[in-house]
PDB file of all heavy atoms in Angstrom:
ATOM      1  N   GLY A   1      11.655  -6.530   0.657  1.00  0.00           N
ATOM      2  CA  GLY A   1      10.580  -5.757   0.063  1.00  0.00           C
ATOM      3  C   GLY A   1       9.433  -5.469   1.024  1.00  0.00           C
ATOM      4  O   GLY A   1       9.507  -5.767   2.223  1.00  0.00           O
ATOM      5  N   LEU A   2       8.366  -4.908   0.486  1.00  0.00           N
ATOM      6  CA  LEU A   2       7.224  -4.466   1.295  1.00  0.00           C
ATOM      7  C   LEU A   2       5.930  -4.625   0.520  1.00  0.00           C
ATOM      8  O   LEU A   2       5.867  -4.331  -0.680  1.00  0.00           O
ATOM      9  CB  LEU A   2       7.404  -2.990   1.683  1.00  0.00           C
ATOM     10  CG  LEU A   2       6.155  -2.241   2.175  1.00  0.00           C
ATOM     11  CD1 LEU A   2       5.844  -2.659   3.603  1.00  0.00           C
ATOM     12  CD2 LEU A   2       6.351  -0.736   2.091  1.00  0.00           C
ATOM     13  N   GLN A   3       4.904  -5.103   1.202  1.00  0.00           N
ATOM     14  CA  GLN A   3       3.524  -5.058   0.725  1.00  0.00           C
ATOM     15  C   GLN A   3       2.640  -4.623   1.883  1.00  0.00           C
ATOM     16  O   GLN A   3       2.703  -5.215   2.968  1.00  0.00           O
ATOM     17  CB  GLN A   3       3.053  -6.441   0.248  1.00  0.00           C
ATOM     18  CG  GLN A   3       3.621  -6.904  -1.073  1.00  0.00           C
ATOM     19  CD  GLN A   3       3.086  -8.273  -1.449  1.00  0.00           C
ATOM     20  OE1 GLN A   3       3.585  -9.304  -1.003  1.00  0.00           O
ATOM     21  NE2 GLN A   3       2.053  -8.288  -2.262  1.00  0.00           N
ATOM     22  N   VAL A   4       1.829  -3.594   1.669  1.00  0.00           N
ATOM     23  CA  VAL A   4       0.877  -3.150   2.675  1.00  0.00           C
ATOM     24  C   VAL A   4      -0.449  -2.856   1.981  1.00  0.00           C
ATOM     25  O   VAL A   4      -0.500  -2.077   1.025  1.00  0.00           O
ATOM     26  CB  VAL A   4       1.356  -1.885   3.425  1.00  0.00           C
ATOM     27  CG1 VAL A   4       0.277  -1.403   4.394  1.00  0.00           C
ATOM     28  CG2 VAL A   4       2.642  -2.158   4.187  1.00  0.00           C
ATOM     29  N   ASN A   5      -1.522  -3.495   2.451  1.00  0.00           N
ATOM     30  CA  ASN A   5      -2.874  -3.248   1.965  1.00  0.00           C
ATOM     31  C   ASN A   5      -3.716  -2.725   3.120  1.00  0.00           C
ATOM     32  O   ASN A   5      -3.791  -3.371   4.172  1.00  0.00           O
ATOM     33  CB  ASN A   5      -3.510  -4.532   1.412  1.00  0.00           C
ATOM     34  CG  ASN A   5      -2.712  -5.126   0.266  1.00  0.00           C
ATOM     35  OD1 ASN A   5      -1.954  -4.432  -0.406  1.00  0.00           O
ATOM     36  ND2 ASN A   5      -2.869  -6.417   0.044  1.00  0.00           N
ATOM     37  N   ALA A   6      -4.325  -1.562   2.948  1.00  0.00           N
ATOM     38  CA  ALA A   6      -5.165  -0.967   3.985  1.00  0.00           C
ATOM     39  C   ALA A   6      -6.507  -0.601   3.373  1.00  0.00           C
ATOM     40  O   ALA A   6      -6.567   0.170   2.407  1.00  0.00           O
ATOM     41  CB  ALA A   6      -4.502   0.266   4.591  1.00  0.00           C
ATOM     42  N   ASP A   7      -7.579  -1.163   3.921  1.00  0.00           N
ATOM     43  CA  ASP A   7      -8.931  -0.887   3.437  1.00  0.00           C
ATOM     44  C   ASP A   7      -9.625   0.096   4.376  1.00  0.00           C
ATOM     45  O   ASP A   7      -9.437   0.044   5.602  1.00  0.00           O
ATOM     46  CB  ASP A   7      -9.734  -2.184   3.342  1.00  0.00           C
ATOM     47  CG  ASP A   7     -11.028  -1.996   2.573  1.00  0.00           C
ATOM     48  OD1 ASP A   7     -11.006  -2.164   1.347  1.00  0.00           O
ATOM     49  OD2 ASP A   7     -12.047  -1.659   3.204  1.00  0.00           O
ATOM     50  N   GLY A   8     -10.424   0.975   3.784  1.00  0.00           N
ATOM     51  CA  GLY A   8     -11.110   1.982   4.585  1.00  0.00           C
ATOM     52  C   GLY A   8     -12.085   1.424   5.595  1.00  0.00           C
ATOM     53  O   GLY A   8     -12.504   2.147   6.513  1.00  0.00           O
ATOM     54  N   SER A   9     -12.450   0.151   5.476  1.00  0.00           N
ATOM     55  CA  SER A   9     -13.358  -0.444   6.454  1.00  0.00           C
ATOM     56  C   SER A   9     -12.736  -0.454   7.852  1.00  0.00           C
ATOM     57  O   SER A   9     -13.453  -0.591   8.842  1.00  0.00           O
ATOM     58  CB  SER A   9     -13.725  -1.867   6.031  1.00  0.00           C
ATOM     59  OG  SER A   9     -12.573  -2.685   5.907  1.00  0.00           O
ATOM     60  N   LEU A  10     -11.402  -0.291   7.935  1.00  0.00           N
ATOM     61  CA  LEU A  10     -10.758  -0.172   9.238  1.00  0.00           C
ATOM     62  C   LEU A  10     -11.317   1.000  10.028  1.00  0.00           C
ATOM     63  O   LEU A  10     -11.411   0.967  11.257  1.00  0.00           O
ATOM     64  CB  LEU A  10      -9.251   0.022   9.057  1.00  0.00           C
ATOM     65  CG  LEU A  10      -8.411  -1.212   8.767  1.00  0.00           C
ATOM     66  CD1 LEU A  10      -7.047  -0.796   8.276  1.00  0.00           C
ATOM     67  CD2 LEU A  10      -8.300  -2.080   9.999  1.00  0.00           C
ATOM     68  N   LEU A  11     -11.679   2.068   9.311  1.00  0.00           N
ATOM     69  CA  LEU A  11     -12.188   3.283   9.932  1.00  0.00           C
ATOM     70  C   LEU A  11     -13.670   3.459   9.669  1.00  0.00           C
ATOM     71  O   LEU A  11     -14.184   4.583   9.718  1.00  0.00           O
ATOM     72  CB  LEU A  11     -11.413   4.498   9.407  1.00  0.00           C
ATOM     73  CG  LEU A  11      -9.897   4.427   9.542  1.00  0.00           C
ATOM     74  CD1 LEU A  11      -9.247   5.642   8.900  1.00  0.00           C
ATOM     75  CD2 LEU A  11      -9.496   4.323  11.008  1.00  0.00           C
ATOM     76  N   ASP A  12     -14.366   2.349   9.373  1.00  0.00           N
ATOM     77  CA  ASP A  12     -15.783   2.395   9.031  1.00  0.00           C
ATOM     78  C   ASP A  12     -16.039   3.318   7.854  1.00  0.00           C
ATOM     79  O   ASP A  12     -17.069   4.019   7.792  1.00  0.00           O
ATOM     80  CB  ASP A  12     -16.616   2.836  10.252  1.00  0.00           C
ATOM     81  CG  ASP A  12     -16.587   1.810  11.360  1.00  0.00           C
ATOM     82  OD1 ASP A  12     -16.534   0.611  11.040  1.00  0.00           O
ATOM     83  OD2 ASP A  12     -16.601   2.205  12.542  1.00  0.00           O
ATOM     84  N   PHE A  13     -15.094   3.351   6.917  1.00  0.00           N
ATOM     85  CA  PHE A  13     -15.239   4.159   5.707  1.00  0.00           C
ATOM     86  C   PHE A  13     -14.780   3.326   4.522  1.00  0.00           C
ATOM     87  O   PHE A  13     -13.694   3.523   3.975  1.00  0.00           O
ATOM     88  CB  PHE A  13     -14.410   5.441   5.813  1.00  0.00           C
ATOM     89  CG  PHE A  13     -14.667   6.430   4.703  1.00  0.00           C
ATOM     90  CD1 PHE A  13     -15.895   7.066   4.586  1.00  0.00           C
ATOM     91  CD2 PHE A  13     -13.672   6.721   3.777  1.00  0.00           C
ATOM     92  CE1 PHE A  13     -16.117   7.969   3.568  1.00  0.00           C
ATOM     93  CE2 PHE A  13     -13.893   7.626   2.751  1.00  0.00           C
ATOM     94  CZ  PHE A  13     -15.124   8.256   2.655  1.00  0.00           C
ATOM     95  N   PRO A  14     -15.602   2.345   4.097  1.00  0.00           N
ATOM     96  CA  PRO A  14     -15.169   1.396   3.073  1.00  0.00           C
ATOM     97  C   PRO A  14     -15.118   1.960   1.661  1.00  0.00           C
ATOM     98  O   PRO A  14     -14.933   1.212   0.712  1.00  0.00           O
ATOM     99  CB  PRO A  14     -16.219   0.291   3.184  1.00  0.00           C
ATOM    100  CG  PRO A  14     -17.444   0.978   3.679  1.00  0.00           C
ATOM    101  CD  PRO A  14     -16.966   2.058   4.613  1.00  0.00           C
ATOM    102  N   VAL A  15     -15.263   3.264   1.507  1.00  0.00           N
ATOM    103  CA  VAL A  15     -15.245   3.867   0.174  1.00  0.00           C
ATOM    104  C   VAL A  15     -13.846   3.804  -0.436  1.00  0.00           C
ATOM    105  O   VAL A  15     -13.696   3.590  -1.638  1.00  0.00           O
ATOM    106  CB  VAL A  15     -15.736   5.332   0.243  1.00  0.00           C
ATOM    107  CG1 VAL A  15     -15.628   5.991  -1.140  1.00  0.00           C
ATOM    108  CG2 VAL A  15     -17.167   5.383   0.731  1.00  0.00           C
ATOM    109  N   LEU A  16     -12.813   3.969   0.389  1.00  0.00           N
ATOM    110  CA  LEU A  16     -11.453   4.067  -0.119  1.00  0.00           C
ATOM    111  C   LEU A  16     -10.564   2.960   0.426  1.00  0.00           C
ATOM    112  O   LEU A  16     -10.851   2.380   1.474  1.00  0.00           O
ATOM    113  CB  LEU A  16     -10.841   5.423   0.248  1.00  0.00           C
ATOM    114  CG  LEU A  16     -11.496   6.673  -0.337  1.00  0.00           C
ATOM    115  CD1 LEU A  16     -10.810   7.920   0.201  1.00  0.00           C
ATOM    116  CD2 LEU A  16     -11.433   6.643  -1.859  1.00  0.00           C
ATOM    117  N   GLY A  17      -9.477   2.707  -0.300  1.00  0.00           N
ATOM    118  CA  GLY A  17      -8.462   1.766   0.150  1.00  0.00           C
ATOM    119  C   GLY A  17      -7.182   1.981  -0.619  1.00  0.00           C
ATOM    120  O   GLY A  17      -7.149   2.726  -1.612  1.00  0.00           O
ATOM    121  N   ILE A  18      -6.106   1.358  -0.169  1.00  0.00           N
ATOM    122  CA  ILE A  18      -4.813   1.514  -0.835  1.00  0.00           C
ATOM    123  C   ILE A  18      -4.029   0.223  -0.749  1.00  0.00           C
ATOM    124  O   ILE A  18      -4.114  -0.520   0.231  1.00  0.00           O
ATOM    125  CB  ILE A  18      -4.006   2.683  -0.212  1.00  0.00           C
ATOM    126  CG1 ILE A  18      -2.752   2.964  -1.035  1.00  0.00           C
ATOM    127  CG2 ILE A  18      -3.649   2.399   1.236  1.00  0.00           C
ATOM    128  CD1 ILE A  18      -2.016   4.230  -0.641  1.00  0.00           C
ATOM    129  N   GLN A  19      -3.266  -0.066  -1.813  1.00  0.00           N
ATOM    130  CA  GLN A  19      -2.290  -1.155  -1.852  1.00  0.00           C
ATOM    131  C   GLN A  19      -0.935  -0.540  -2.167  1.00  0.00           C
ATOM    132  O   GLN A  19      -0.822   0.261  -3.110  1.00  0.00           O
ATOM    133  CB  GLN A  19      -2.643  -2.176  -2.941  1.00  0.00           C
ATOM    134  CG  GLN A  19      -3.991  -2.850  -2.802  1.00  0.00           C
ATOM    135  CD  GLN A  19      -4.320  -3.674  -4.032  1.00  0.00           C
ATOM    136  OE1 GLN A  19      -4.635  -3.140  -5.090  1.00  0.00           O
ATOM    137  NE2 GLN A  19      -4.239  -4.989  -3.895  1.00  0.00           N
ATOM    138  N   THR A  20       0.095  -0.866  -1.395  1.00  0.00           N
ATOM    139  CA  THR A  20       1.431  -0.338  -1.648  1.00  0.00           C
ATOM    140  C   THR A  20       2.426  -1.471  -1.816  1.00  0.00           C
ATOM    141  O   THR A  20       2.205  -2.592  -1.343  1.00  0.00           O
ATOM    142  CB  THR A  20       1.898   0.585  -0.502  1.00  0.00           C
ATOM    143  OG1 THR A  20       1.977  -0.176   0.711  1.00  0.00           O
ATOM    144  CG2 THR A  20       0.937   1.737  -0.302  1.00  0.00           C
ATOM    145  N   PHE A  21       3.522  -1.156  -2.484  1.00  0.00           N
ATOM    146  CA  PHE A  21       4.488  -2.183  -2.848  1.00  0.00           C
ATOM    147  C   PHE A  21       5.866  -1.546  -3.002  1.00  0.00           C
ATOM    148  O   PHE A  21       5.998  -0.429  -3.523  1.00  0.00           O
ATOM    149  CB  PHE A  21       4.055  -2.835  -4.161  1.00  0.00           C
ATOM    150  CG  PHE A  21       5.188  -3.419  -4.967  1.00  0.00           C
ATOM    151  CD1 PHE A  21       5.661  -4.688  -4.702  1.00  0.00           C
ATOM    152  CD2 PHE A  21       5.769  -2.675  -5.979  1.00  0.00           C
ATOM    153  CE1 PHE A  21       6.715  -5.204  -5.439  1.00  0.00           C
ATOM    154  CE2 PHE A  21       6.821  -3.195  -6.727  1.00  0.00           C
ATOM    155  CZ  PHE A  21       7.286  -4.467  -6.447  1.00  0.00           C
ATOM    156  N   ALA A  22       6.903  -2.219  -2.519  1.00  0.00           N
ATOM    157  CA  ALA A  22       8.292  -1.833  -2.771  1.00  0.00           C
ATOM    158  C   ALA A  22       9.109  -3.108  -2.893  1.00  0.00           C
ATOM    159  O   ALA A  22       8.975  -4.019  -2.079  1.00  0.00           O
ATOM    160  CB  ALA A  22       8.843  -0.948  -1.651  1.00  0.00           C
ATOM    161  N   ALA A  23       9.955  -3.180  -3.913  1.00  0.00           N
ATOM    162  CA  ALA A  23      10.723  -4.397  -4.160  1.00  0.00           C
ATOM    163  C   ALA A  23      11.962  -4.484  -3.284  1.00  0.00           C
ATOM    164  O   ALA A  23      12.382  -5.578  -2.904  1.00  0.00           O
ATOM    165  CB  ALA A  23      11.139  -4.467  -5.630  1.00  0.00           C
ATOM    166  N   ASN A  24      12.561  -3.344  -2.941  1.00  0.00           N
ATOM    167  CA  ASN A  24      13.826  -3.331  -2.221  1.00  0.00           C
ATOM    168  C   ASN A  24      13.879  -2.076  -1.359  1.00  0.00           C
ATOM    169  O   ASN A  24      14.223  -0.992  -1.836  1.00  0.00           O
ATOM    170  CB  ASN A  24      14.988  -3.363  -3.217  1.00  0.00           C
ATOM    171  CG  ASN A  24      16.344  -3.452  -2.551  1.00  0.00           C
ATOM    172  OD1 ASN A  24      16.450  -3.489  -1.325  1.00  0.00           O
ATOM    173  ND2 ASN A  24      17.393  -3.486  -3.349  1.00  0.00           N
ATOM    174  N   LEU A  25      13.538  -2.204  -0.078  1.00  0.00           N
ATOM    175  CA  LEU A  25      13.492  -1.049   0.800  1.00  0.00           C
ATOM    176  C   LEU A  25      14.866  -0.426   1.026  1.00  0.00           C
ATOM    177  O   LEU A  25      14.962   0.740   1.400  1.00  0.00           O
ATOM    178  CB  LEU A  25      12.882  -1.440   2.158  1.00  0.00           C
ATOM    179  CG  LEU A  25      11.378  -1.715   2.159  1.00  0.00           C
ATOM    180  CD1 LEU A  25      10.928  -2.123   3.557  1.00  0.00           C
ATOM    181  CD2 LEU A  25      10.602  -0.497   1.686  1.00  0.00           C
ATOM    182  N   ALA A  26      15.927  -1.177   0.814  1.00  0.00           N
ATOM    183  CA  ALA A  26      17.270  -0.636   1.020  1.00  0.00           C
ATOM    184  C   ALA A  26      17.618   0.421  -0.018  1.00  0.00           C
ATOM    185  O   ALA A  26      18.429   1.308   0.244  1.00  0.00           O
ATOM    186  CB  ALA A  26      18.304  -1.758   0.980  1.00  0.00           C
ATOM    187  N   ARG A  27      16.983   0.350  -1.203  1.00  0.00           N
ATOM    188  CA  ARG A  27      17.286   1.305  -2.278  1.00  0.00           C
ATOM    189  C   ARG A  27      16.066   2.091  -2.745  1.00  0.00           C
ATOM    190  O   ARG A  27      16.218   3.157  -3.335  1.00  0.00           O
ATOM    191  CB  ARG A  27      17.884   0.561  -3.492  1.00  0.00           C
ATOM    192  CG  ARG A  27      19.268  -0.007  -3.262  1.00  0.00           C
ATOM    193  CD  ARG A  27      19.814  -0.580  -4.555  1.00  0.00           C
ATOM    194  NE  ARG A  27      19.784   0.409  -5.641  1.00  0.00           N
ATOM    195  CZ  ARG A  27      20.774   1.259  -5.892  1.00  0.00           C
ATOM    196  NH1 ARG A  27      21.849   1.249  -5.121  1.00  0.00           N
ATOM    197  NH2 ARG A  27      20.706   2.097  -6.903  1.00  0.00           N
ATOM    198  N   MET A  28      14.874   1.558  -2.520  1.00  0.00           N
ATOM    199  CA  MET A  28      13.645   2.167  -3.033  1.00  0.00           C
ATOM    200  C   MET A  28      13.772   2.475  -4.528  1.00  0.00           C
ATOM    201  O   MET A  28      13.414   3.549  -5.002  1.00  0.00           O
ATOM    202  CB  MET A  28      13.305   3.427  -2.248  1.00  0.00           C
ATOM    203  CG  MET A  28      12.778   3.160  -0.856  1.00  0.00           C
ATOM    204  SD  MET A  28      11.271   2.139  -0.846  1.00  0.00           S
ATOM    205  CE  MET A  28      10.088   3.246  -1.614  1.00  0.00           C
ATOM    206  N   ASP A  29      14.277   1.500  -5.277  1.00  0.00           N
ATOM    207  CA  ASP A  29      14.429   1.688  -6.719  1.00  0.00           C
ATOM    208  C   ASP A  29      13.162   1.311  -7.470  1.00  0.00           C
ATOM    209  O   ASP A  29      12.886   1.854  -8.537  1.00  0.00           O
ATOM    210  CB  ASP A  29      15.621   0.886  -7.235  1.00  0.00           C
ATOM    211  CG  ASP A  29      15.533  -0.586  -6.864  1.00  0.00           C
ATOM    212  OD1 ASP A  29      15.074  -0.887  -5.752  1.00  0.00           O
ATOM    213  OD2 ASP A  29      15.943  -1.441  -7.681  1.00  0.00           O
ATOM    214  N   LEU A  30      12.385   0.372  -6.931  1.00  0.00           N
ATOM    215  CA  LEU A  30      11.177  -0.088  -7.600  1.00  0.00           C
ATOM    216  C   LEU A  30      10.041  -0.121  -6.588  1.00  0.00           C
ATOM    217  O   LEU A  30      10.094  -0.872  -5.613  1.00  0.00           O
ATOM    218  CB  LEU A  30      11.409  -1.485  -8.197  1.00  0.00           C
ATOM    219  CG  LEU A  30      10.205  -2.186  -8.825  1.00  0.00           C
ATOM    220  CD1 LEU A  30       9.623  -1.361  -9.963  1.00  0.00           C
ATOM    221  CD2 LEU A  30      10.586  -3.579  -9.317  1.00  0.00           C
ATOM    222  N   PHE A  31       9.025   0.700  -6.797  1.00  0.00           N
ATOM    223  CA  PHE A  31       7.922   0.764  -5.845  1.00  0.00           C
ATOM    224  C   PHE A  31       6.687   1.309  -6.553  1.00  0.00           C
ATOM    225  O   PHE A  31       6.761   1.864  -7.659  1.00  0.00           O
ATOM    226  CB  PHE A  31       8.281   1.655  -4.641  1.00  0.00           C
ATOM    227  CG  PHE A  31       8.641   3.065  -5.006  1.00  0.00           C
ATOM    228  CD1 PHE A  31       7.680   4.068  -5.033  1.00  0.00           C
ATOM    229  CD2 PHE A  31       9.945   3.391  -5.326  1.00  0.00           C
ATOM    230  CE1 PHE A  31       8.010   5.367  -5.371  1.00  0.00           C
ATOM    231  CE2 PHE A  31      10.287   4.691  -5.665  1.00  0.00           C
ATOM    232  CZ  PHE A  31       9.320   5.681  -5.682  1.00  0.00           C
ATOM    233  N   GLY A  32       5.538   1.155  -5.894  1.00  0.00           N
ATOM    234  CA  GLY A  32       4.295   1.639  -6.489  1.00  0.00           C
ATOM    235  C   GLY A  32       3.133   1.508  -5.533  1.00  0.00           C
ATOM    236  O   GLY A  32       3.270   1.022  -4.406  1.00  0.00           O
ATOM    237  N   ALA A  33       1.969   1.943  -5.985  1.00  0.00           N
ATOM    238  CA  ALA A  33       0.772   1.886  -5.154  1.00  0.00           C
ATOM    239  C   ALA A  33      -0.466   1.916  -6.035  1.00  0.00           C
ATOM    240  O   ALA A  33      -0.420   2.369  -7.185  1.00  0.00           O
ATOM    241  CB  ALA A  33       0.734   3.042  -4.159  1.00  0.00           C
ATOM    242  N   ARG A  34      -1.548   1.431  -5.476  1.00  0.00           N
ATOM    243  CA  ARG A  34      -2.862   1.530  -6.107  1.00  0.00           C
ATOM    244  C   ARG A  34      -3.834   2.094  -5.081  1.00  0.00           C
ATOM    245  O   ARG A  34      -3.978   1.556  -3.984  1.00  0.00           O
ATOM    246  CB  ARG A  34      -3.355   0.161  -6.578  1.00  0.00           C
ATOM    247  CG  ARG A  34      -4.798   0.179  -7.116  1.00  0.00           C
ATOM    248  CD  ARG A  34      -5.222  -1.208  -7.578  1.00  0.00           C
ATOM    249  NE  ARG A  34      -6.574  -1.233  -8.110  1.00  0.00           N
ATOM    250  CZ  ARG A  34      -7.639  -1.693  -7.462  1.00  0.00           C
ATOM    251  NH1 ARG A  34      -7.508  -2.184  -6.216  1.00  0.00           N
ATOM    252  NH2 ARG A  34      -8.832  -1.683  -8.021  1.00  0.00           N
ATOM    253  N   VAL A  35      -4.493   3.167  -5.448  1.00  0.00           N
ATOM    254  CA  VAL A  35      -5.553   3.749  -4.630  1.00  0.00           C
ATOM    255  C   VAL A  35      -6.875   3.413  -5.305  1.00  0.00           C
ATOM    256  O   VAL A  35      -7.014   3.602  -6.522  1.00  0.00           O
ATOM    257  CB  VAL A  35      -5.386   5.274  -4.491  1.00  0.00           C
ATOM    258  CG1 VAL A  35      -6.504   5.856  -3.643  1.00  0.00           C
ATOM    259  CG2 VAL A  35      -4.032   5.612  -3.886  1.00  0.00           C
TER     260      VAL A  35
END
């Protein structure tokens, strides 16, 4: 699977961020994100 969290503070822009998720990258049957 996959989890990636990226916050806008990386680019000195803390207004936005994203969290992503995938349970099984081999099939991409279950995945999602939060902005």
